[in-house]
Amino acid sequence: MNVLVGYATVHGSARAIAERTAVFLRHAGLAAEAKPVTEVEGADAYRAFVLGSAVHGQSWLQPAKDFARDHLDVLVPRPVPARCGSSASGCRRRCADRGGAWLPRRCR
């Protein structure tokens, strides 16, 4: 399965998490690559997605929000866990409260 681990970052922490996630998925036998969401061409080539973003002001960075919005037709029928990468406890708590549902409201 071809998996995109897409991310948006400012200082690099989301990139580091995405790269580790892609390595883990490859060790599990999946074809996975970590890539900034701004560099993704042809999202429909992927069978599954893991999306993550740094969180500023209790919100995902704009490139991550744009990617999710612009590719809803591709994302909706596929598995898409999302990660709120934030030290902001409010965002982290809301993500957990939704059981890992992708794009929790406060993280959009």
N, C-alpha and C. Protein backbone atom coordinates (compact mmCIF):
# COMPACT_ATOMS: atom_id res chain seq x y z
N MET A 1 0.85 -1.18 0.00
CA MET A 1 0.00 0.00 0.00
C MET A 1 0.89 1.23 0.00
N ASN A 2 0.59 2.18 -0.85
CA ASN A 2 1.34 3.41 -0.96
C ASN A 2 0.73 4.44 0.01
N VAL A 3 1.50 4.83 1.02
CA VAL A 3 1.00 5.72 2.07
C VAL A 3 1.78 7.03 2.05
N LEU A 4 1.04 8.14 2.08
CA LEU A 4 1.67 9.45 2.23
C LEU A 4 1.61 9.85 3.69
N VAL A 5 2.76 10.18 4.24
CA VAL A 5 2.82 10.79 5.56
C VAL A 5 3.08 12.27 5.29
N GLY A 6 2.00 13.01 5.16
CA GLY A 6 2.09 14.42 4.80
C GLY A 6 2.15 15.30 6.03
N TYR A 7 2.91 16.38 5.94
CA TYR A 7 3.08 17.23 7.11
C TYR A 7 3.26 18.69 6.72
N ALA A 8 2.99 19.56 7.70
CA ALA A 8 3.30 20.98 7.61
C ALA A 8 4.09 21.32 8.87
N THR A 9 5.16 22.06 8.70
CA THR A 9 6.04 22.35 9.83
C THR A 9 6.60 23.76 9.72
N VAL A 10 7.03 24.29 10.83
CA VAL A 10 7.71 25.58 10.86
C VAL A 10 9.16 25.38 11.25
N HIS A 11 9.38 24.67 12.35
CA HIS A 11 10.73 24.49 12.88
C HIS A 11 11.29 23.09 12.67
N GLY A 12 10.52 22.20 12.05
CA GLY A 12 11.05 20.88 11.73
C GLY A 12 10.55 19.73 12.58
N SER A 13 9.87 19.98 13.68
CA SER A 13 9.44 18.87 14.52
C SER A 13 8.40 17.99 13.84
N ALA A 14 7.47 18.58 13.10
CA ALA A 14 6.47 17.78 12.38
C ALA A 14 7.15 16.93 11.29
N ARG A 15 8.18 17.48 10.67
CA ARG A 15 8.93 16.71 9.67
C ARG A 15 9.60 15.50 10.32
N ALA A 16 10.23 15.70 11.46
CA ALA A 16 10.90 14.60 12.15
C ALA A 16 9.90 13.51 12.53
N ILE A 17 8.74 13.89 13.02
CA ILE A 17 7.72 12.91 13.38
C ILE A 17 7.23 12.18 12.14
N ALA A 18 7.01 12.91 11.05
CA ALA A 18 6.55 12.29 9.80
C ALA A 18 7.58 11.30 9.27
N GLU A 19 8.84 11.68 9.31
CA GLU A 19 9.89 10.78 8.82
C GLU A 19 9.97 9.50 9.65
N ARG A 20 9.85 9.62 10.98
CA ARG A 20 9.85 8.43 11.84
C ARG A 20 8.63 7.57 11.58
N THR A 21 7.50 8.20 11.34
CA THR A 21 6.27 7.46 11.05
C THR A 21 6.41 6.69 9.75
N ALA A 22 6.98 7.32 8.73
CA ALA A 22 7.18 6.64 7.45
C ALA A 22 8.13 5.45 7.59
N VAL A 23 9.19 5.60 8.38
CA VAL A 23 10.11 4.48 8.62
C VAL A 23 9.36 3.34 9.29
N PHE A 24 8.57 3.63 10.29
CA PHE A 24 7.79 2.61 10.99
C PHE A 24 6.86 1.88 10.01
N LEU A 25 6.18 2.63 9.15
CA LEU A 25 5.27 2.01 8.18
C LEU A 25 6.02 1.14 7.18
N ARG A 26 7.21 1.59 6.76
CA ARG A 26 8.02 0.78 5.85
C ARG A 26 8.47 -0.51 6.52
N HIS A 27 8.84 -0.44 7.80
CA HIS A 27 9.21 -1.65 8.53
C HIS A 27 8.03 -2.60 8.66
N ALA A 28 6.83 -2.07 8.60
CA ALA A 28 5.62 -2.89 8.68
C ALA A 28 5.24 -3.45 7.30
N GLY A 29 6.05 -3.13 6.28
CA GLY A 29 5.82 -3.69 4.96
C GLY A 29 5.04 -2.81 4.00
N LEU A 30 4.80 -1.56 4.38
CA LEU A 30 4.06 -0.64 3.52
C LEU A 30 5.02 0.27 2.76
N ALA A 31 4.62 0.68 1.59
CA ALA A 31 5.38 1.69 0.85
C ALA A 31 4.92 3.05 1.36
N ALA A 32 5.78 3.72 2.10
CA ALA A 32 5.39 4.99 2.72
C ALA A 32 6.48 6.03 2.50
N GLU A 33 6.04 7.27 2.31
CA GLU A 33 6.99 8.36 2.19
C GLU A 33 6.48 9.57 2.96
N ALA A 34 7.41 10.27 3.60
CA ALA A 34 7.11 11.52 4.29
C ALA A 34 7.39 12.66 3.33
N LYS A 35 6.43 13.58 3.26
CA LYS A 35 6.58 14.68 2.31
C LYS A 35 5.79 15.88 2.82
N PRO A 36 6.33 17.10 2.66
CA PRO A 36 5.55 18.28 3.01
C PRO A 36 4.29 18.33 2.14
N VAL A 37 3.17 18.70 2.72
CA VAL A 37 1.93 18.73 1.95
C VAL A 37 2.00 19.71 0.79
N THR A 38 2.86 20.71 0.90
CA THR A 38 3.01 21.68 -0.19
C THR A 38 3.72 21.10 -1.40
N GLU A 39 4.35 19.93 -1.26
CA GLU A 39 5.09 19.31 -2.37
C GLU A 39 4.36 18.11 -2.96
N VAL A 40 3.16 17.82 -2.48
CA VAL A 40 2.42 16.65 -2.96
C VAL A 40 1.76 16.97 -4.29
N GLU A 41 2.07 16.16 -5.28
CA GLU A 41 1.41 16.26 -6.58
C GLU A 41 0.71 14.93 -6.82
N GLY A 42 -0.54 14.97 -7.17
CA GLY A 42 -1.26 13.74 -7.45
C GLY A 42 -1.60 12.95 -6.20
N ALA A 43 -2.34 13.55 -5.30
CA ALA A 43 -2.72 12.87 -4.05
C ALA A 43 -3.47 11.58 -4.31
N ASP A 44 -4.12 11.48 -5.44
CA ASP A 44 -4.89 10.27 -5.75
C ASP A 44 -4.00 9.05 -6.00
N ALA A 45 -2.69 9.24 -6.07
CA ALA A 45 -1.76 8.11 -6.24
C ALA A 45 -1.58 7.33 -4.94
N TYR A 46 -1.99 7.91 -3.81
CA TYR A 46 -1.81 7.26 -2.52
C TYR A 46 -3.07 6.51 -2.11
N ARG A 47 -2.87 5.38 -1.44
CA ARG A 47 -4.00 4.56 -0.98
C ARG A 47 -4.40 4.89 0.45
N ALA A 48 -3.51 5.53 1.20
CA ALA A 48 -3.80 5.92 2.58
C ALA A 48 -2.93 7.13 2.92
N PHE A 49 -3.34 7.84 3.95
CA PHE A 49 -2.65 9.05 4.35
C PHE A 49 -2.49 9.09 5.87
N VAL A 50 -1.39 9.67 6.31
CA VAL A 50 -1.23 10.09 7.70
C VAL A 50 -0.89 11.56 7.59
N LEU A 51 -1.73 12.40 8.15
CA LEU A 51 -1.51 13.84 8.06
C LEU A 51 -1.15 14.40 9.42
N GLY A 52 -0.22 15.34 9.43
CA GLY A 52 0.18 15.97 10.67
C GLY A 52 0.62 17.40 10.43
N SER A 53 0.55 18.18 11.47
CA SER A 53 0.93 19.57 11.35
C SER A 53 1.38 20.09 12.71
N ALA A 54 2.30 21.02 12.64
CA ALA A 54 2.56 21.82 13.83
C ALA A 54 1.27 22.58 14.11
N VAL A 55 1.08 22.94 15.35
CA VAL A 55 -0.13 23.67 15.74
C VAL A 55 0.29 25.00 16.32
N HIS A 56 -0.25 26.07 15.74
CA HIS A 56 0.00 27.42 16.25
C HIS A 56 -1.36 28.05 16.51
N GLY A 57 -1.53 28.62 17.67
CA GLY A 57 -2.81 29.23 18.01
C GLY A 57 -3.92 28.20 18.05
N GLN A 58 -3.62 26.99 18.48
CA GLN A 58 -4.55 25.86 18.56
C GLN A 58 -5.17 25.53 17.21
N SER A 59 -4.41 25.71 16.15
CA SER A 59 -4.89 25.40 14.81
C SER A 59 -3.75 24.82 13.97
N TRP A 60 -4.08 23.91 13.07
CA TRP A 60 -3.10 23.42 12.13
C TRP A 60 -2.55 24.58 11.32
N LEU A 61 -1.34 24.41 10.80
CA LEU A 61 -0.77 25.41 9.90
C LEU A 61 -1.62 25.45 8.62
N GLN A 62 -1.65 26.61 7.99
CA GLN A 62 -2.50 26.80 6.82
C GLN A 62 -2.23 25.80 5.69
N PRO A 63 -0.97 25.45 5.38
CA PRO A 63 -0.76 24.48 4.31
C PRO A 63 -1.43 23.12 4.59
N ALA A 64 -1.44 22.68 5.83
CA ALA A 64 -2.08 21.41 6.17
C ALA A 64 -3.60 21.52 6.01
N LYS A 65 -4.16 22.63 6.49
CA LYS A 65 -5.60 22.84 6.34
C LYS A 65 -5.98 22.92 4.86
N ASP A 66 -5.17 23.62 4.07
CA ASP A 66 -5.44 23.75 2.64
C ASP A 66 -5.39 22.39 1.95
N PHE A 67 -4.38 21.58 2.30
CA PHE A 67 -4.26 20.26 1.69
C PHE A 67 -5.50 19.42 1.98
N ALA A 68 -5.90 19.38 3.23
CA ALA A 68 -7.07 18.58 3.61
C ALA A 68 -8.32 19.07 2.88
N ARG A 69 -8.53 20.37 2.85
CA ARG A 69 -9.71 20.93 2.18
C ARG A 69 -9.67 20.69 0.66
N ASP A 70 -8.51 20.90 0.06
CA ASP A 70 -8.39 20.79 -1.39
C ASP A 70 -8.44 19.35 -1.89
N HIS A 71 -8.22 18.38 -1.01
CA HIS A 71 -8.18 16.97 -1.42
C HIS A 71 -9.24 16.12 -0.73
N LEU A 72 -10.30 16.73 -0.27
CA LEU A 72 -11.35 15.98 0.42
C LEU A 72 -11.87 14.81 -0.40
N ASP A 73 -12.02 15.02 -1.70
CA ASP A 73 -12.56 13.95 -2.55
C ASP A 73 -11.65 12.72 -2.56
N VAL A 74 -10.35 12.92 -2.37
CA VAL A 74 -9.40 11.81 -2.31
C VAL A 74 -9.31 11.25 -0.89
N LEU A 75 -9.35 12.12 0.11
CA LEU A 75 -9.14 11.71 1.50
C LEU A 75 -10.33 10.95 2.09
N VAL A 76 -11.53 11.38 1.80
CA VAL A 76 -12.71 10.81 2.45
C VAL A 76 -12.83 9.29 2.30
N PRO A 77 -12.65 8.72 1.11
CA PRO A 77 -12.81 7.26 1.01
C PRO A 77 -11.59 6.44 1.47
N ARG A 78 -10.54 7.10 1.91
CA ARG A 78 -9.31 6.39 2.29
C ARG A 78 -9.05 6.53 3.79
N PRO A 79 -8.24 5.61 4.34
CA PRO A 79 -7.85 5.77 5.75
C PRO A 79 -6.97 7.01 5.93
N VAL A 80 -7.34 7.87 6.89
CA VAL A 80 -6.60 9.11 7.12
C VAL A 80 -6.53 9.43 8.61
N PRO A 81 -5.59 8.83 9.34
CA PRO A 81 -5.40 9.31 10.71
C PRO A 81 -4.68 10.65 10.66
N ALA A 82 -4.98 11.50 11.61
CA ALA A 82 -4.35 12.81 11.66
C ALA A 82 -3.74 13.02 13.03
N ARG A 83 -2.70 13.81 13.06
CA ARG A 83 -1.98 14.06 14.31
C ARG A 83 -1.96 15.55 14.59
N CYS A 84 -2.32 15.89 15.81
CA CYS A 84 -2.18 17.26 16.28
C CYS A 84 -0.86 17.35 17.02
N GLY A 85 0.13 17.90 16.39
CA GLY A 85 1.44 18.01 17.02
C GLY A 85 1.55 19.32 17.76
N SER A 86 1.13 19.31 19.01
CA SER A 86 1.13 20.56 19.75
C SER A 86 1.39 20.33 21.22
N SER A 87 2.01 21.30 21.82
CA SER A 87 2.15 21.27 23.26
C SER A 87 0.94 21.94 23.91
N ALA A 88 0.05 22.46 23.09
CA ALA A 88 -1.16 23.10 23.61
C ALA A 88 -2.12 22.03 24.10
N SER A 89 -2.26 21.92 25.39
CA SER A 89 -3.05 20.83 25.96
C SER A 89 -4.48 20.86 25.48
N GLY A 90 -5.05 22.01 25.22
CA GLY A 90 -6.43 22.08 24.75
C GLY A 90 -6.60 21.39 23.42
N CYS A 91 -5.69 21.62 22.51
CA CYS A 91 -5.77 20.97 21.20
C CYS A 91 -5.55 19.48 21.34
N ARG A 92 -4.54 19.09 22.09
CA ARG A 92 -4.23 17.69 22.28
C ARG A 92 -5.41 16.96 22.91
N ARG A 93 -6.04 17.58 23.91
CA ARG A 93 -7.18 16.96 24.59
C ARG A 93 -8.35 16.81 23.61
N ARG A 94 -8.63 17.82 22.83
CA ARG A 94 -9.75 17.73 21.90
C ARG A 94 -9.50 16.64 20.85
N CYS A 95 -8.25 16.48 20.42
CA CYS A 95 -7.94 15.42 19.47
C CYS A 95 -8.21 14.06 20.09
N ALA A 96 -7.78 13.88 21.33
CA ALA A 96 -7.98 12.61 22.02
C ALA A 96 -9.46 12.36 22.27
N ASP A 97 -10.21 13.41 22.60
CA ASP A 97 -11.64 13.26 22.86
C ASP A 97 -12.39 12.73 21.65
N ARG A 98 -11.87 12.97 20.46
CA ARG A 98 -12.54 12.52 19.25
C ARG A 98 -12.03 11.15 18.81
N GLY A 99 -11.27 10.50 19.65
CA GLY A 99 -10.82 9.15 19.35
C GLY A 99 -9.92 9.05 18.14
N GLY A 100 -9.19 10.12 17.85
CA GLY A 100 -8.28 10.09 16.71
C GLY A 100 -8.95 10.39 15.39
N ALA A 101 -10.22 10.82 15.44
CA ALA A 101 -10.90 11.17 14.20
C ALA A 101 -10.09 12.21 13.45
N TRP A 102 -10.04 12.12 12.15
CA TRP A 102 -9.16 13.01 11.41
C TRP A 102 -9.71 14.44 11.39
N LEU A 103 -8.79 15.35 11.43
CA LEU A 103 -9.06 16.78 11.46
C LEU A 103 -10.05 17.19 12.54
N PRO A 104 -9.71 16.99 13.80
CA PRO A 104 -10.57 17.47 14.88
C PRO A 104 -10.84 18.95 14.70
N ARG A 105 -12.00 19.39 15.06
CA ARG A 105 -12.44 20.75 14.77
C ARG A 105 -11.43 21.81 15.19
N ARG A 106 -10.91 21.75 16.41
CA ARG A 106 -9.99 22.78 16.87
C ARG A 106 -8.62 22.67 16.25
N CYS A 107 -8.34 21.57 15.57
CA CYS A 107 -7.02 21.41 14.94
C CYS A 107 -7.08 21.72 13.46
N ARG A 108 -8.21 22.19 12.98
CA ARG A 108 -8.33 22.55 11.57
C ARG A 108 -7.81 23.94 11.34
